[in-house]
Amino acid sequence: MTNSTIDRILDAAEVEFAAHGFVETSLRTITTKAKVNLAAVNYHFGSKKGLIQAVT
């Protein structure tokens, strides 16, 4: 399950947050890089805040 939706989102989020910070990184950028639907973040993490908590 190394290429799961959650893994792809977390990997993309980690890279984008490190490069641009939490405030400047959009969910659309993360989901585009992860090749997932924008709704997947809310489904798996509840919100951008939930995603940030999962990454940190």
PDB file of N, CA and C in Angstrom:
ATOM      1  N   MET A   1       0.821  -1.191   0.000  1.00  0.00           N
ATOM      2  CA  MET A   1       0.000   0.000   0.000  1.00  0.00           C
ATOM      3  C   MET A   1       0.868   1.260   0.000  1.00  0.00           C
ATOM      4  N   THR A   2       2.044   1.165  -0.595  1.00  0.00           N
ATOM      5  CA  THR A   2       2.963   2.297  -0.581  1.00  0.00           C
ATOM      6  C   THR A   2       2.501   3.438  -1.474  1.00  0.00           C
ATOM      7  N   ASN A   3       1.619   3.164  -2.401  1.00  0.00           N
ATOM      8  CA  ASN A   3       1.158   4.202  -3.316  1.00  0.00           C
ATOM      9  C   ASN A   3      -0.312   4.539  -3.066  1.00  0.00           C
ATOM     10  N   SER A   4      -0.754   4.410  -1.827  1.00  0.00           N
ATOM     11  CA  SER A   4      -2.148   4.690  -1.509  1.00  0.00           C
ATOM     12  C   SER A   4      -2.441   6.185  -1.614  1.00  0.00           C
ATOM     13  N   THR A   5      -3.692   6.508  -1.676  1.00  0.00           N
ATOM     14  CA  THR A   5      -4.115   7.906  -1.735  1.00  0.00           C
ATOM     15  C   THR A   5      -3.562   8.690  -0.550  1.00  0.00           C
ATOM     16  N   ILE A   6      -3.668   8.127   0.636  1.00  0.00           N
ATOM     17  CA  ILE A   6      -3.181   8.816   1.835  1.00  0.00           C
ATOM     18  C   ILE A   6      -1.682   9.054   1.745  1.00  0.00           C
ATOM     19  N   ASP A   7      -0.937   8.039   1.318  1.00  0.00           N
ATOM     20  CA  ASP A   7       0.519   8.188   1.199  1.00  0.00           C
ATOM     21  C   ASP A   7       0.886   9.264   0.182  1.00  0.00           C
ATOM     22  N   ARG A   8       0.187   9.282  -0.946  1.00  0.00           N
ATOM     23  CA  ARG A   8       0.485  10.290  -1.973  1.00  0.00           C
ATOM     24  C   ARG A   8       0.186  11.692  -1.464  1.00  0.00           C
ATOM     25  N   ILE A   9      -0.911  11.851  -0.739  1.00  0.00           N
ATOM     26  CA  ILE A   9      -1.248  13.163  -0.172  1.00  0.00           C
ATOM     27  C   ILE A   9      -0.198  13.582   0.847  1.00  0.00           C
ATOM     28  N   LEU A  10       0.156  12.686   1.750  1.00  0.00           N
ATOM     29  CA  LEU A  10       1.148  13.017   2.782  1.00  0.00           C
ATOM     30  C   LEU A  10       2.503  13.350   2.171  1.00  0.00           C
ATOM     31  N   ASP A  11       2.919  12.585   1.174  1.00  0.00           N
ATOM     32  CA  ASP A  11       4.208  12.848   0.525  1.00  0.00           C
ATOM     33  C   ASP A  11       4.214  14.217  -0.150  1.00  0.00           C
ATOM     34  N   ALA A  12       3.158  14.517  -0.899  1.00  0.00           N
ATOM     35  CA  ALA A  12       3.071  15.807  -1.585  1.00  0.00           C
ATOM     36  C   ALA A  12       2.981  16.950  -0.582  1.00  0.00           C
ATOM     37  N   ALA A  13       2.207  16.765   0.472  1.00  0.00           N
ATOM     38  CA  ALA A  13       2.054  17.810   1.486  1.00  0.00           C
ATOM     39  C   ALA A  13       3.377  18.098   2.175  1.00  0.00           C
ATOM     40  N   GLU A  14       4.120  17.066   2.507  1.00  0.00           N
ATOM     41  CA  GLU A  14       5.408  17.261   3.175  1.00  0.00           C
ATOM     42  C   GLU A  14       6.353  18.094   2.313  1.00  0.00           C
ATOM     43  N   VAL A  15       6.421  17.782   1.037  1.00  0.00           N
ATOM     44  CA  VAL A  15       7.292  18.523   0.118  1.00  0.00           C
ATOM     45  C   VAL A  15       6.834  19.971  -0.013  1.00  0.00           C
ATOM     46  N   GLU A  16       5.545  20.172  -0.231  1.00  0.00           N
ATOM     47  CA  GLU A  16       5.026  21.527  -0.433  1.00  0.00           C
ATOM     48  C   GLU A  16       5.100  22.369   0.835  1.00  0.00           C
ATOM     49  N   PHE A  17       4.776  21.794   1.979  1.00  0.00           N
ATOM     50  CA  PHE A  17       4.866  22.540   3.235  1.00  0.00           C
ATOM     51  C   PHE A  17       6.311  22.928   3.524  1.00  0.00           C
ATOM     52  N   ALA A  18       7.247  22.038   3.245  1.00  0.00           N
ATOM     53  CA  ALA A  18       8.662  22.343   3.480  1.00  0.00           C
ATOM     54  C   ALA A  18       9.146  23.455   2.547  1.00  0.00           C
ATOM     55  N   ALA A  19       8.667  23.445   1.324  1.00  0.00           N
ATOM     56  CA  ALA A  19       9.119  24.430   0.340  1.00  0.00           C
ATOM     57  C   ALA A  19       8.440  25.786   0.490  1.00  0.00           C
ATOM     58  N   HIS A  20       7.157  25.793   0.856  1.00  0.00           N
ATOM     59  CA  HIS A  20       6.379  27.036   0.816  1.00  0.00           C
ATOM     60  C   HIS A  20       5.720  27.423   2.136  1.00  0.00           C
ATOM     61  N   GLY A  21       5.778  26.559   3.130  1.00  0.00           N
ATOM     62  CA  GLY A  21       5.132  26.839   4.410  1.00  0.00           C
ATOM     63  C   GLY A  21       3.672  26.440   4.403  1.00  0.00           C
ATOM     64  N   PHE A  22       3.103  26.355   5.591  1.00  0.00           N
ATOM     65  CA  PHE A  22       1.716  25.915   5.732  1.00  0.00           C
ATOM     66  C   PHE A  22       0.728  26.917   5.149  1.00  0.00           C
ATOM     67  N   VAL A  23       0.958  28.192   5.386  1.00  0.00           N
ATOM     68  CA  VAL A  23       0.009  29.225   4.950  1.00  0.00           C
ATOM     69  C   VAL A  23       0.006  29.372   3.432  1.00  0.00           C
ATOM     70  N   GLU A  24       1.181  29.340   2.827  1.00  0.00           N
ATOM     71  CA  GLU A  24       1.298  29.587   1.387  1.00  0.00           C
ATOM     72  C   GLU A  24       0.963  28.376   0.519  1.00  0.00           C
ATOM     73  N   THR A  25       0.858  27.218   1.102  1.00  0.00           N
ATOM     74  CA  THR A  25       0.572  26.004   0.339  1.00  0.00           C
ATOM     75  C   THR A  25      -0.934  25.775   0.267  1.00  0.00           C
ATOM     76  N   SER A  26      -1.434  25.621  -0.945  1.00  0.00           N
ATOM     77  CA  SER A  26      -2.873  25.377  -1.110  1.00  0.00           C
ATOM     78  C   SER A  26      -3.148  23.875  -1.208  1.00  0.00           C
ATOM     79  N   LEU A  27      -4.349  23.508  -0.815  1.00  0.00           N
ATOM     80  CA  LEU A  27      -4.751  22.108  -0.954  1.00  0.00           C
ATOM     81  C   LEU A  27      -4.795  21.705  -2.418  1.00  0.00           C
ATOM     82  N   ARG A  28      -5.153  22.632  -3.274  1.00  0.00           N
ATOM     83  CA  ARG A  28      -5.193  22.330  -4.709  1.00  0.00           C
ATOM     84  C   ARG A  28      -3.805  21.956  -5.221  1.00  0.00           C
ATOM     85  N   THR A  29      -2.771  22.663  -4.775  1.00  0.00           N
ATOM     86  CA  THR A  29      -1.407  22.334  -5.179  1.00  0.00           C
ATOM     87  C   THR A  29      -1.033  20.935  -4.706  1.00  0.00           C
ATOM     88  N   ILE A  30      -1.346  20.642  -3.459  1.00  0.00           N
ATOM     89  CA  ILE A  30      -1.030  19.324  -2.898  1.00  0.00           C
ATOM     90  C   ILE A  30      -1.759  18.224  -3.660  1.00  0.00           C
ATOM     91  N   THR A  31      -3.044  18.406  -3.894  1.00  0.00           N
ATOM     92  CA  THR A  31      -3.811  17.351  -4.552  1.00  0.00           C
ATOM     93  C   THR A  31      -3.415  17.186  -6.018  1.00  0.00           C
ATOM     94  N   THR A  32      -3.016  18.265  -6.663  1.00  0.00           N
ATOM     95  CA  THR A  32      -2.529  18.159  -8.036  1.00  0.00           C
ATOM     96  C   THR A  32      -1.246  17.342  -8.071  1.00  0.00           C
ATOM     97  N   LYS A  33      -0.311  17.645  -7.180  1.00  0.00           N
ATOM     98  CA  LYS A  33       0.960  16.902  -7.121  1.00  0.00           C
ATOM     99  C   LYS A  33       0.719  15.443  -6.742  1.00  0.00           C
ATOM    100  N   ALA A  34      -0.250  15.188  -5.867  1.00  0.00           N
ATOM    101  CA  ALA A  34      -0.546  13.826  -5.418  1.00  0.00           C
ATOM    102  C   ALA A  34      -1.422  13.064  -6.418  1.00  0.00           C
ATOM    103  N   LYS A  35      -1.953  13.781  -7.410  1.00  0.00           N
ATOM    104  CA  LYS A  35      -2.842  13.205  -8.416  1.00  0.00           C
ATOM    105  C   LYS A  35      -4.082  12.571  -7.775  1.00  0.00           C
ATOM    106  N   VAL A  36      -4.685  13.349  -6.877  1.00  0.00           N
ATOM    107  CA  VAL A  36      -5.930  12.921  -6.233  1.00  0.00           C
ATOM    108  C   VAL A  36      -6.948  14.052  -6.304  1.00  0.00           C
ATOM    109  N   ASN A  37      -8.189  13.722  -6.072  1.00  0.00           N
ATOM    110  CA  ASN A  37      -9.264  14.698  -6.051  1.00  0.00           C
ATOM    111  C   ASN A  37      -9.152  15.564  -4.799  1.00  0.00           C
ATOM    112  N   LEU A  38      -9.500  16.821  -4.918  1.00  0.00           N
ATOM    113  CA  LEU A  38      -9.452  17.753  -3.791  1.00  0.00           C
ATOM    114  C   LEU A  38     -10.267  17.244  -2.600  1.00  0.00           C
ATOM    115  N   ALA A  39     -11.373  16.603  -2.858  1.00  0.00           N
ATOM    116  CA  ALA A  39     -12.219  16.084  -1.777  1.00  0.00           C
ATOM    117  C   ALA A  39     -11.521  14.996  -0.962  1.00  0.00           C
ATOM    118  N   ALA A  40     -10.487  14.380  -1.514  1.00  0.00           N
ATOM    119  CA  ALA A  40      -9.774  13.310  -0.803  1.00  0.00           C
ATOM    120  C   ALA A  40      -9.118  13.819   0.474  1.00  0.00           C
ATOM    121  N   VAL A  41      -8.661  15.068   0.472  1.00  0.00           N
ATOM    122  CA  VAL A  41      -8.039  15.622   1.685  1.00  0.00           C
ATOM    123  C   VAL A  41      -9.072  15.712   2.796  1.00  0.00           C
ATOM    124  N   ASN A  42     -10.225  16.262   2.490  1.00  0.00           N
ATOM    125  CA  ASN A  42     -11.277  16.363   3.506  1.00  0.00           C
ATOM    126  C   ASN A  42     -11.773  14.986   3.933  1.00  0.00           C
ATOM    127  N   TYR A  43     -11.848  14.061   3.016  1.00  0.00           N
ATOM    128  CA  TYR A  43     -12.316  12.714   3.336  1.00  0.00           C
ATOM    129  C   TYR A  43     -11.358  12.018   4.308  1.00  0.00           C
ATOM    130  N   HIS A  44     -10.061  12.110   4.040  1.00  0.00           N
ATOM    131  CA  HIS A  44      -9.072  11.381   4.835  1.00  0.00           C
ATOM    132  C   HIS A  44      -8.575  12.147   6.061  1.00  0.00           C
ATOM    133  N   PHE A  45      -8.556  13.483   5.975  1.00  0.00           N
ATOM    134  CA  PHE A  45      -7.950  14.273   7.052  1.00  0.00           C
ATOM    135  C   PHE A  45      -8.901  15.283   7.687  1.00  0.00           C
ATOM    136  N   GLY A  46     -10.058  15.486   7.098  1.00  0.00           N
ATOM    137  CA  GLY A  46     -11.054  16.387   7.663  1.00  0.00           C
ATOM    138  C   GLY A  46     -10.908  17.835   7.246  1.00  0.00           C
ATOM    139  N   SER A  47      -9.661  18.287   7.066  1.00  0.00           N
ATOM    140  CA  SER A  47      -9.400  19.684   6.703  1.00  0.00           C
ATOM    141  C   SER A  47      -7.909  19.854   6.444  1.00  0.00           C
ATOM    142  N   LYS A  48      -7.534  21.055   6.015  1.00  0.00           N
ATOM    143  CA  LYS A  48      -6.113  21.357   5.852  1.00  0.00           C
ATOM    144  C   LYS A  48      -5.407  21.257   7.199  1.00  0.00           C
ATOM    145  N   LYS A  49      -6.069  21.697   8.252  1.00  0.00           N
ATOM    146  CA  LYS A  49      -5.486  21.617   9.594  1.00  0.00           C
ATOM    147  C   LYS A  49      -5.211  20.159   9.973  1.00  0.00           C
ATOM    148  N   GLY A  50      -6.146  19.283   9.661  1.00  0.00           N
ATOM    149  CA  GLY A  50      -5.949  17.862   9.929  1.00  0.00           C
ATOM    150  C   GLY A  50      -4.788  17.288   9.142  1.00  0.00           C
ATOM    151  N   LEU A  51      -4.628  17.743   7.910  1.00  0.00           N
ATOM    152  CA  LEU A  51      -3.500  17.307   7.086  1.00  0.00           C
ATOM    153  C   LEU A  51      -2.188  17.799   7.682  1.00  0.00           C
ATOM    154  N   ILE A  52      -2.157  19.057   8.100  1.00  0.00           N
ATOM    155  CA  ILE A  52      -0.949  19.610   8.730  1.00  0.00           C
ATOM    156  C   ILE A  52      -0.583  18.789   9.963  1.00  0.00           C
ATOM    157  N   GLN A  53      -1.566  18.446  10.771  1.00  0.00           N
ATOM    158  CA  GLN A  53      -1.305  17.648  11.976  1.00  0.00           C
ATOM    159  C   GLN A  53      -0.767  16.264  11.621  1.00  0.00           C
ATOM    160  N   ALA A  54      -1.247  15.688  10.538  1.00  0.00           N
ATOM    161  CA  ALA A  54      -0.774  14.369  10.121  1.00  0.00           C
ATOM    162  C   ALA A  54       0.665  14.414   9.614  1.00  0.00           C
ATOM    163  N   VAL A  55       1.039  15.538   9.011  1.00  0.00           N
ATOM    164  CA  VAL A  55       2.392  15.677   8.470  1.00  0.00           C
ATOM    165  C   VAL A  55       3.400  15.975   9.569  1.00  0.00           C
ATOM    166  N   THR A  56       2.987  16.756  10.564  1.00  0.00           N
ATOM    167  CA  THR A  56       3.946  17.160  11.603  1.00  0.00           C
ATOM    168  C   THR A  56       4.019  16.188  12.750  1.00  0.00           C
TER     169      THR A  56
END
